[in-house]
């Protein structure tokens, strides 16, 4: 579990100074990249190795509005890893109150730059081991 802190920018809000729903998906990505960096799976290293991880699904449930001036903490966990796909869950909470604002999930696959499926267990054993460990730890 890694907590990513984010303060909304004014341009992410609507006329009522409420964060537009589309920005949560961007925040999930920011939090996912921070999570992967923290556990030793750097995005830059993946890309240098020719690994791309497109989004297969993304889902968000909006519970409470986040407004300009709020600070949120986004908790990211690995909730799926089966050797072909990996998935993450997200919780967005108001930092000051701890109130849950949004939950979400995303799933991804592993491809090479030509679009061919990659199996980390066979081709990137270190990544496979890290993801297996993250899945076990985050399930606790």
C-alpha atoms as a PDB file:
ATOM      1  CA  UNK A   1       0.000   0.000   0.000  1.00  0.00           C
ATOM      2  CA  UNK A   2       1.333   3.394  -0.965  1.00  0.00           C
ATOM      3  CA  UNK A   3      -0.329   6.722  -0.181  1.00  0.00           C
ATOM      4  CA  UNK A   4      -0.054   9.458  -2.809  1.00  0.00           C
ATOM      5  CA  UNK A   5      -0.955  12.999  -1.787  1.00  0.00           C
ATOM      6  CA  UNK A   6      -2.619  15.358  -4.258  1.00  0.00           C
ATOM      7  CA  UNK A   7      -3.978  18.904  -4.101  1.00  0.00           C
ATOM      8  CA  UNK A   8      -6.358  19.699  -6.974  1.00  0.00           C
ATOM      9  CA  UNK A   9      -5.342  22.396  -9.413  1.00  0.00           C
ATOM     10  CA  UNK A  10      -7.868  25.102 -10.239  1.00  0.00           C
ATOM     11  CA  UNK A  11      -8.074  23.990 -13.869  1.00  0.00           C
ATOM     12  CA  UNK A  12      -9.299  20.561 -12.683  1.00  0.00           C
ATOM     13  CA  UNK A  13     -12.471  22.091 -11.276  1.00  0.00           C
ATOM     14  CA  UNK A  14     -15.752  23.164 -12.768  1.00  0.00           C
ATOM     15  CA  UNK A  15     -17.579  26.446 -12.281  1.00  0.00           C
ATOM     16  CA  UNK A  16     -18.559  25.384  -8.749  1.00  0.00           C
ATOM     17  CA  UNK A  17     -14.893  24.712  -7.857  1.00  0.00           C
ATOM     18  CA  UNK A  18     -15.643  20.980  -7.628  1.00  0.00           C
ATOM     19  CA  UNK A  19     -13.094  18.625  -9.172  1.00  0.00           C
ATOM     20  CA  UNK A  20     -14.411  17.318 -12.488  1.00  0.00           C
ATOM     21  CA  UNK A  21     -14.990  13.551 -12.445  1.00  0.00           C
ATOM     22  CA  UNK A  22     -12.548  12.852 -15.284  1.00  0.00           C
ATOM     23  CA  UNK A  23      -9.623  14.007 -13.160  1.00  0.00           C
ATOM     24  CA  UNK A  24      -9.965  11.125 -10.719  1.00  0.00           C
ATOM     25  CA  UNK A  25      -8.893   8.749 -13.495  1.00  0.00           C
ATOM     26  CA  UNK A  26      -5.781  10.872 -14.031  1.00  0.00           C
ATOM     27  CA  UNK A  27      -5.142  10.847 -10.287  1.00  0.00           C
ATOM     28  CA  UNK A  28      -5.408   7.044 -10.287  1.00  0.00           C
ATOM     29  CA  UNK A  29      -2.656   6.956 -12.908  1.00  0.00           C
ATOM     30  CA  UNK A  30      -0.449   9.353 -10.942  1.00  0.00           C
ATOM     31  CA  UNK A  31      -0.958   7.264  -7.811  1.00  0.00           C
ATOM     32  CA  UNK A  32      -0.268   4.014  -9.716  1.00  0.00           C
ATOM     33  CA  UNK A  33       3.016   5.359 -11.092  1.00  0.00           C
ATOM     34  CA  UNK A  34       4.032   6.528  -7.596  1.00  0.00           C
ATOM     35  CA  UNK A  35       3.110   3.098  -6.197  1.00  0.00           C
ATOM     36  CA  UNK A  36       5.168   1.274  -8.822  1.00  0.00           C
ATOM     37  CA  UNK A  37       8.151   3.572  -8.233  1.00  0.00           C
ATOM     38  CA  UNK A  38       7.904   2.905  -4.492  1.00  0.00           C
ATOM     39  CA  UNK A  39       7.962  -0.878  -4.942  1.00  0.00           C
ATOM     40  CA  UNK A  40      10.806  -0.850  -7.467  1.00  0.00           C
ATOM     41  CA  UNK A  41       8.930  -1.154 -10.772  1.00  0.00           C
ATOM     42  CA  UNK A  42       9.801   2.143 -12.429  1.00  0.00           C
ATOM     43  CA  UNK A  43       7.713   3.116 -15.451  1.00  0.00           C
ATOM     44  CA  UNK A  44      10.773   4.504 -17.222  1.00  0.00           C
ATOM     45  CA  UNK A  45      12.558   1.164 -16.799  1.00  0.00           C
ATOM     46  CA  UNK A  46       9.532  -0.717 -18.146  1.00  0.00           C
ATOM     47  CA  UNK A  47       9.361   1.468 -21.206  1.00  0.00           C
ATOM     48  CA  UNK A  48      13.137   1.186 -21.761  1.00  0.00           C
ATOM     49  CA  UNK A  49      12.703  -2.603 -21.665  1.00  0.00           C
ATOM     50  CA  UNK A  50       9.957  -2.353 -24.286  1.00  0.00           C
ATOM     51  CA  UNK A  51       7.049  -3.107 -21.942  1.00  0.00           C
ATOM     52  CA  UNK A  52       3.803  -1.185 -22.321  1.00  0.00           C
ATOM     53  CA  UNK A  53       0.815  -1.679 -20.046  1.00  0.00           C
ATOM     54  CA  UNK A  54      -2.370  -0.360 -21.614  1.00  0.00           C
ATOM     55  CA  UNK A  55      -5.492   0.146 -19.555  1.00  0.00           C
ATOM     56  CA  UNK A  56      -8.075  -2.576 -20.147  1.00  0.00           C
ATOM     57  CA  UNK A  57     -10.699  -1.332 -17.699  1.00  0.00           C
ATOM     58  CA  UNK A  58     -11.096   1.575 -15.330  1.00  0.00           C
ATOM     59  CA  UNK A  59     -13.897   2.212 -12.895  1.00  0.00           C
ATOM     60  CA  UNK A  60     -14.631   4.978 -10.396  1.00  0.00           C
ATOM     61  CA  UNK A  61     -17.317   5.405  -7.781  1.00  0.00           C
ATOM     62  CA  UNK A  62     -17.797   8.990  -6.676  1.00  0.00           C
ATOM     63  CA  UNK A  63     -18.855   9.290  -3.040  1.00  0.00           C
ATOM     64  CA  UNK A  64     -18.065  12.822  -1.889  1.00  0.00           C
ATOM     65  CA  UNK A  65     -17.016  15.930  -3.803  1.00  0.00           C
ATOM     66  CA  UNK A  66     -13.439  17.156  -3.738  1.00  0.00           C
ATOM     67  CA  UNK A  67     -13.106  20.901  -4.081  1.00  0.00           C
ATOM     68  CA  UNK A  68     -10.366  23.312  -5.009  1.00  0.00           C
ATOM     69  CA  UNK A  69      -8.230  23.837  -1.895  1.00  0.00           C
ATOM     70  CA  UNK A  70      -8.756  20.313  -0.524  1.00  0.00           C
ATOM     71  CA  UNK A  71      -5.892  17.858  -0.244  1.00  0.00           C
ATOM     72  CA  UNK A  72      -6.547  14.183  -0.838  1.00  0.00           C
ATOM     73  CA  UNK A  73      -4.610  11.027  -0.118  1.00  0.00           C
ATOM     74  CA  UNK A  74      -4.888   8.260  -2.684  1.00  0.00           C
ATOM     75  CA  UNK A  75      -4.162   4.764  -1.425  1.00  0.00           C
ATOM     76  CA  UNK A  76      -3.142   2.341  -4.142  1.00  0.00           C
ATOM     77  CA  UNK A  77      -2.993  -1.438  -3.863  1.00  0.00           C
ATOM     78  CA  UNK A  78      -2.340  -4.292  -6.271  1.00  0.00           C
ATOM     79  CA  UNK A  79      -5.585  -6.288  -6.336  1.00  0.00           C
ATOM     80  CA  UNK A  80      -4.860  -8.578  -9.300  1.00  0.00           C
ATOM     81  CA  UNK A  81      -1.832 -10.247 -10.807  1.00  0.00           C
ATOM     82  CA  UNK A  82      -2.186 -13.461 -12.764  1.00  0.00           C
ATOM     83  CA  UNK A  83       0.840 -13.356 -15.036  1.00  0.00           C
ATOM     84  CA  UNK A  84      -1.053 -11.774 -17.937  1.00  0.00           C
ATOM     85  CA  UNK A  85      -2.971  -8.961 -16.276  1.00  0.00           C
ATOM     86  CA  UNK A  86      -2.499  -6.773 -13.275  1.00  0.00           C
ATOM     87  CA  UNK A  87      -4.950  -4.593 -11.471  1.00  0.00           C
ATOM     88  CA  UNK A  88      -5.064  -1.875  -8.880  1.00  0.00           C
ATOM     89  CA  UNK A  89      -7.586  -0.520  -6.420  1.00  0.00           C
ATOM     90  CA  UNK A  90      -7.692   3.091  -5.309  1.00  0.00           C
ATOM     91  CA  UNK A  91      -9.204   4.964  -2.384  1.00  0.00           C
ATOM     92  CA  UNK A  92      -9.302   8.755  -2.468  1.00  0.00           C
ATOM     93  CA  UNK A  93      -9.729  10.282   1.002  1.00  0.00           C
ATOM     94  CA  UNK A  94      -9.860  13.848   2.241  1.00  0.00           C
ATOM     95  CA  UNK A  95      -6.567  14.336   4.069  1.00  0.00           C
ATOM     96  CA  UNK A  96      -8.035  16.618   6.742  1.00  0.00           C
ATOM     97  CA  UNK A  97     -11.116  14.554   7.602  1.00  0.00           C
ATOM     98  CA  UNK A  98     -10.291  11.048   6.389  1.00  0.00           C
ATOM     99  CA  UNK A  99     -13.632  10.954   4.558  1.00  0.00           C
ATOM    100  CA  UNK A 100     -13.802   8.610   1.594  1.00  0.00           C
ATOM    101  CA  UNK A 101     -14.352  10.630  -1.591  1.00  0.00           C
ATOM    102  CA  UNK A 102     -13.912   8.095  -4.377  1.00  0.00           C
ATOM    103  CA  UNK A 103     -12.972   4.469  -4.961  1.00  0.00           C
ATOM    104  CA  UNK A 104     -11.787   2.893  -8.166  1.00  0.00           C
ATOM    105  CA  UNK A 105     -10.065   0.074  -9.950  1.00  0.00           C
ATOM    106  CA  UNK A 106      -8.051  -0.385 -13.106  1.00  0.00           C
ATOM    107  CA  UNK A 107      -6.767  -3.426 -14.964  1.00  0.00           C
ATOM    108  CA  UNK A 108      -3.871  -3.580 -17.396  1.00  0.00           C
ATOM    109  CA  UNK A 109      -2.015  -6.115 -19.484  1.00  0.00           C
ATOM    110  CA  UNK A 110       1.619  -6.482 -20.521  1.00  0.00           C
ATOM    111  CA  UNK A 111       2.559  -5.942 -24.160  1.00  0.00           C
ATOM    112  CA  UNK A 112       5.739  -5.322 -26.083  1.00  0.00           C
ATOM    113  CA  UNK A 113       5.967  -2.289 -28.354  1.00  0.00           C
ATOM    114  CA  UNK A 114       4.650  -4.357 -31.279  1.00  0.00           C
ATOM    115  CA  UNK A 115       1.507  -5.223 -29.313  1.00  0.00           C
ATOM    116  CA  UNK A 116       2.495  -8.814 -28.525  1.00  0.00           C
ATOM    117  CA  UNK A 117       1.530 -10.227 -25.117  1.00  0.00           C
ATOM    118  CA  UNK A 118       4.357 -10.440 -22.590  1.00  0.00           C
ATOM    119  CA  UNK A 119       4.386 -12.879 -19.689  1.00  0.00           C
ATOM    120  CA  UNK A 120       6.520 -11.391 -16.903  1.00  0.00           C
ATOM    121  CA  UNK A 121       7.063 -14.778 -15.245  1.00  0.00           C
ATOM    122  CA  UNK A 122       8.897 -15.989 -18.355  1.00  0.00           C
ATOM    123  CA  UNK A 123      10.459 -12.785 -19.646  1.00  0.00           C
ATOM    124  CA  UNK A 124      10.827 -10.438 -16.656  1.00  0.00           C
ATOM    125  CA  UNK A 125      11.217 -12.600 -13.562  1.00  0.00           C
ATOM    126  CA  UNK A 126      12.144  -9.722 -11.223  1.00  0.00           C
ATOM    127  CA  UNK A 127       8.950  -7.860 -12.153  1.00  0.00           C
ATOM    128  CA  UNK A 128       6.924 -11.043 -11.688  1.00  0.00           C
ATOM    129  CA  UNK A 129       8.397 -11.607  -8.225  1.00  0.00           C
ATOM    130  CA  UNK A 130       7.775  -7.996  -7.164  1.00  0.00           C
ATOM    131  CA  UNK A 131       4.167  -8.105  -8.356  1.00  0.00           C
ATOM    132  CA  UNK A 132       3.542 -11.434  -6.634  1.00  0.00           C
ATOM    133  CA  UNK A 133       4.935  -9.968  -3.421  1.00  0.00           C
ATOM    134  CA  UNK A 134       2.867  -6.770  -3.775  1.00  0.00           C
ATOM    135  CA  UNK A 135      -0.321  -8.747  -4.352  1.00  0.00           C
ATOM    136  CA  UNK A 136       0.291 -10.784  -1.205  1.00  0.00           C
ATOM    137  CA  UNK A 137       1.151  -7.744   0.933  1.00  0.00           C
ATOM    138  CA  UNK A 138      -1.719  -5.601  -0.345  1.00  0.00           C
ATOM    139  CA  UNK A 139      -4.252  -8.387   0.267  1.00  0.00           C
ATOM    140  CA  UNK A 140      -3.462  -8.375   4.014  1.00  0.00           C
END
